[in-house]
Amino acid sequence: MTSLSRITLAVLVAAGAAASTAALAQPAGSQAPLTRAQVQADLVDWLQAGYDPLDWIHYPANAQRAGAIVAQRRAERAAGGQAQMQPQQ
């Protein structure tokens, strides 16, 4: 393999890695980055759901349990908001 083809291959690999990293860094379905207030509100939701960032002994289970609770509460809020918007017959 010539040095030119090695350089070309290295550039292509680096470009692919950079593109995939940038794509994974964006939240799914979001067009804009989160604001500081949104991140702080998200942290409050997690703390209210029982997540303790200092509890490193129970870390995976603690975070997964709190994440499930936060997701359930958000789904209930979204469903509740839609139910209020629909006219009752």
Foldseek 3Di string as FASTA:
>chain_A
DDPVVVVVVVVVVVVVVVVVVVVVVDDPPDDDDDDPVRVVVVVVQLVVLPADPVPPVCPPVSNVSSVVVSVVVVVVVVVVVVVVPDDDD
